[in-house]
């Protein structure tokens, strides 16, 4: 019987570095905002979007090359992950004048989105 060993390929190491880098960015956001929660959304061929909401209401997002990479990154960072961006989780987001003007644009007299 031959001994078999799992061979770490260059692609595996690169994927692990991506996960570690994303987890580091999630950790940085979490530390800057008193903690964080997140949600991972599948974007199709583009990958996955990680939406982060800080304990202070600040929000941000990151894009990963694959859904698997995004899931591994949020697991590695240790934040609470929600299945959907609705209800109590969505209510934690605090938006300011900039977001309102960008979302509503010309309808409420804000700058146009062009």
C-alpha atoms as a PDB file:
ATOM      1  CA  UNK A   1       0.000   0.000   0.000  1.00  0.00           C
ATOM      2  CA  UNK A   2       1.270   3.381  -0.887  1.00  0.00           C
ATOM      3  CA  UNK A   3       1.127   6.264   1.512  1.00  0.00           C
ATOM      4  CA  UNK A   4      -0.983   9.080   0.166  1.00  0.00           C
ATOM      5  CA  UNK A   5      -0.648  12.662   1.155  1.00  0.00           C
ATOM      6  CA  UNK A   6      -2.815  15.601   0.304  1.00  0.00           C
ATOM      7  CA  UNK A   7      -0.890  17.875  -1.998  1.00  0.00           C
ATOM      8  CA  UNK A   8      -1.370  21.594  -1.515  1.00  0.00           C
ATOM      9  CA  UNK A   9      -1.573  23.083  -4.978  1.00  0.00           C
ATOM     10  CA  UNK A  10      -0.623  26.612  -5.880  1.00  0.00           C
ATOM     11  CA  UNK A  11      -4.308  27.360  -6.556  1.00  0.00           C
ATOM     12  CA  UNK A  12      -5.266  26.099  -3.080  1.00  0.00           C
ATOM     13  CA  UNK A  13      -2.682  28.335  -1.430  1.00  0.00           C
ATOM     14  CA  UNK A  14      -3.833  31.318  -3.490  1.00  0.00           C
ATOM     15  CA  UNK A  15      -7.468  30.673  -2.527  1.00  0.00           C
ATOM     16  CA  UNK A  16      -6.512  30.444   1.154  1.00  0.00           C
ATOM     17  CA  UNK A  17      -4.646  33.773   0.906  1.00  0.00           C
ATOM     18  CA  UNK A  18      -7.778  35.375  -0.575  1.00  0.00           C
ATOM     19  CA  UNK A  19      -9.854  34.037   2.322  1.00  0.00           C
ATOM     20  CA  UNK A  20      -7.310  35.310   4.858  1.00  0.00           C
ATOM     21  CA  UNK A  21      -7.135  38.747   3.203  1.00  0.00           C
ATOM     22  CA  UNK A  22     -10.952  39.092   3.148  1.00  0.00           C
ATOM     23  CA  UNK A  23     -11.210  37.905   6.758  1.00  0.00           C
ATOM     24  CA  UNK A  24      -8.633  40.552   7.719  1.00  0.00           C
ATOM     25  CA  UNK A  25     -10.683  43.275   6.043  1.00  0.00           C
ATOM     26  CA  UNK A  26     -13.814  42.043   7.820  1.00  0.00           C
ATOM     27  CA  UNK A  27     -11.932  42.073  11.136  1.00  0.00           C
ATOM     28  CA  UNK A  28     -10.728  45.634  10.481  1.00  0.00           C
ATOM     29  CA  UNK A  29     -14.274  46.803   9.793  1.00  0.00           C
ATOM     30  CA  UNK A  30     -15.534  45.024  12.895  1.00  0.00           C
ATOM     31  CA  UNK A  31     -12.882  46.595  15.129  1.00  0.00           C
ATOM     32  CA  UNK A  32     -13.503  50.063  13.697  1.00  0.00           C
ATOM     33  CA  UNK A  33     -17.254  49.861  14.287  1.00  0.00           C
ATOM     34  CA  UNK A  34     -17.572  48.101  17.632  1.00  0.00           C
ATOM     35  CA  UNK A  35     -18.377  44.699  16.152  1.00  0.00           C
ATOM     36  CA  UNK A  36     -20.078  43.592  12.971  1.00  0.00           C
ATOM     37  CA  UNK A  37     -22.611  41.270  11.458  1.00  0.00           C
ATOM     38  CA  UNK A  38     -22.813  40.222   7.841  1.00  0.00           C
ATOM     39  CA  UNK A  39     -24.696  38.575   5.032  1.00  0.00           C
ATOM     40  CA  UNK A  40     -23.301  36.801   1.976  1.00  0.00           C
ATOM     41  CA  UNK A  41     -25.180  37.238  -1.310  1.00  0.00           C
ATOM     42  CA  UNK A  42     -24.483  35.204  -4.440  1.00  0.00           C
ATOM     43  CA  UNK A  43     -23.697  37.408  -7.464  1.00  0.00           C
ATOM     44  CA  UNK A  44     -23.540  34.702 -10.112  1.00  0.00           C
ATOM     45  CA  UNK A  45     -20.373  34.467 -12.175  1.00  0.00           C
ATOM     46  CA  UNK A  46     -19.029  37.600 -10.489  1.00  0.00           C
ATOM     47  CA  UNK A  47     -18.770  35.865  -7.111  1.00  0.00           C
ATOM     48  CA  UNK A  48     -20.390  36.904  -3.858  1.00  0.00           C
ATOM     49  CA  UNK A  49     -21.013  40.131  -1.962  1.00  0.00           C
ATOM     50  CA  UNK A  50     -20.353  40.326   1.762  1.00  0.00           C
ATOM     51  CA  UNK A  51     -22.508  43.054   3.316  1.00  0.00           C
ATOM     52  CA  UNK A  52     -21.223  44.211   6.706  1.00  0.00           C
ATOM     53  CA  UNK A  53     -23.147  46.199   9.316  1.00  0.00           C
ATOM     54  CA  UNK A  54     -21.246  47.568  12.290  1.00  0.00           C
ATOM     55  CA  UNK A  55     -22.605  47.820  15.823  1.00  0.00           C
ATOM     56  CA  UNK A  56     -22.620  51.594  15.317  1.00  0.00           C
ATOM     57  CA  UNK A  57     -24.877  51.336  12.232  1.00  0.00           C
ATOM     58  CA  UNK A  58     -22.113  51.917   9.674  1.00  0.00           C
ATOM     59  CA  UNK A  59     -22.185  49.592   6.700  1.00  0.00           C
ATOM     60  CA  UNK A  60     -19.938  48.463   3.919  1.00  0.00           C
ATOM     61  CA  UNK A  61     -19.441  45.626   1.529  1.00  0.00           C
ATOM     62  CA  UNK A  62     -16.769  43.447  -0.021  1.00  0.00           C
ATOM     63  CA  UNK A  63     -16.846  41.288  -3.128  1.00  0.00           C
ATOM     64  CA  UNK A  64     -15.259  37.843  -3.225  1.00  0.00           C
ATOM     65  CA  UNK A  65     -14.463  35.870  -6.378  1.00  0.00           C
ATOM     66  CA  UNK A  66     -16.653  32.977  -5.267  1.00  0.00           C
ATOM     67  CA  UNK A  67     -19.430  32.236  -2.804  1.00  0.00           C
ATOM     68  CA  UNK A  68     -17.220  29.616  -1.147  1.00  0.00           C
ATOM     69  CA  UNK A  69     -14.428  32.153  -0.590  1.00  0.00           C
ATOM     70  CA  UNK A  70     -16.891  34.616   0.937  1.00  0.00           C
ATOM     71  CA  UNK A  71     -18.382  31.988   3.277  1.00  0.00           C
ATOM     72  CA  UNK A  72     -14.940  30.866   4.424  1.00  0.00           C
ATOM     73  CA  UNK A  73     -13.878  34.477   5.052  1.00  0.00           C
ATOM     74  CA  UNK A  74     -16.885  35.306   7.241  1.00  0.00           C
ATOM     75  CA  UNK A  75     -16.421  32.040   9.133  1.00  0.00           C
ATOM     76  CA  UNK A  76     -12.748  32.807   9.682  1.00  0.00           C
ATOM     77  CA  UNK A  77     -13.541  36.321  10.910  1.00  0.00           C
ATOM     78  CA  UNK A  78     -16.051  35.003  13.438  1.00  0.00           C
ATOM     79  CA  UNK A  79     -18.822  37.531  12.774  1.00  0.00           C
ATOM     80  CA  UNK A  80     -22.501  36.660  12.999  1.00  0.00           C
ATOM     81  CA  UNK A  81     -23.826  35.794   9.551  1.00  0.00           C
ATOM     82  CA  UNK A  82     -27.456  36.274   8.515  1.00  0.00           C
ATOM     83  CA  UNK A  83     -29.169  34.319   5.756  1.00  0.00           C
ATOM     84  CA  UNK A  84     -31.096  37.363   4.487  1.00  0.00           C
ATOM     85  CA  UNK A  85     -30.721  41.110   4.593  1.00  0.00           C
ATOM     86  CA  UNK A  86     -34.103  41.922   6.086  1.00  0.00           C
ATOM     87  CA  UNK A  87     -35.933  42.546   9.335  1.00  0.00           C
ATOM     88  CA  UNK A  88     -33.889  43.322  12.424  1.00  0.00           C
ATOM     89  CA  UNK A  89     -30.582  43.054  10.567  1.00  0.00           C
ATOM     90  CA  UNK A  90     -31.511  45.632   7.915  1.00  0.00           C
ATOM     91  CA  UNK A  91     -32.906  47.943  10.615  1.00  0.00           C
ATOM     92  CA  UNK A  92     -29.411  48.194  12.149  1.00  0.00           C
ATOM     93  CA  UNK A  93     -28.114  50.173   9.152  1.00  0.00           C
ATOM     94  CA  UNK A  94     -27.955  53.914   9.736  1.00  0.00           C
ATOM     95  CA  UNK A  95     -28.040  56.029   6.609  1.00  0.00           C
ATOM     96  CA  UNK A  96     -27.020  59.638   6.390  1.00  0.00           C
ATOM     97  CA  UNK A  97     -27.696  62.506   4.005  1.00  0.00           C
ATOM     98  CA  UNK A  98     -25.227  61.187   1.436  1.00  0.00           C
ATOM     99  CA  UNK A  99     -26.961  57.805   1.143  1.00  0.00           C
ATOM    100  CA  UNK A 100     -30.417  59.379   0.984  1.00  0.00           C
ATOM    101  CA  UNK A 101     -29.402  61.775  -1.762  1.00  0.00           C
ATOM    102  CA  UNK A 102     -27.737  59.003  -3.764  1.00  0.00           C
ATOM    103  CA  UNK A 103     -30.687  56.624  -3.363  1.00  0.00           C
ATOM    104  CA  UNK A 104     -33.398  59.177  -4.085  1.00  0.00           C
ATOM    105  CA  UNK A 105     -31.368  61.448  -6.339  1.00  0.00           C
ATOM    106  CA  UNK A 106     -33.350  63.995  -8.243  1.00  0.00           C
ATOM    107  CA  UNK A 107     -36.713  62.898  -6.763  1.00  0.00           C
ATOM    108  CA  UNK A 108     -36.009  64.689  -3.473  1.00  0.00           C
ATOM    109  CA  UNK A 109     -33.858  67.481  -4.829  1.00  0.00           C
ATOM    110  CA  UNK A 110     -30.568  65.673  -4.305  1.00  0.00           C
ATOM    111  CA  UNK A 111     -27.814  65.329  -6.892  1.00  0.00           C
ATOM    112  CA  UNK A 112     -28.620  63.172  -9.884  1.00  0.00           C
ATOM    113  CA  UNK A 113     -27.085  59.721  -9.961  1.00  0.00           C
ATOM    114  CA  UNK A 114     -25.311  60.288 -13.270  1.00  0.00           C
END
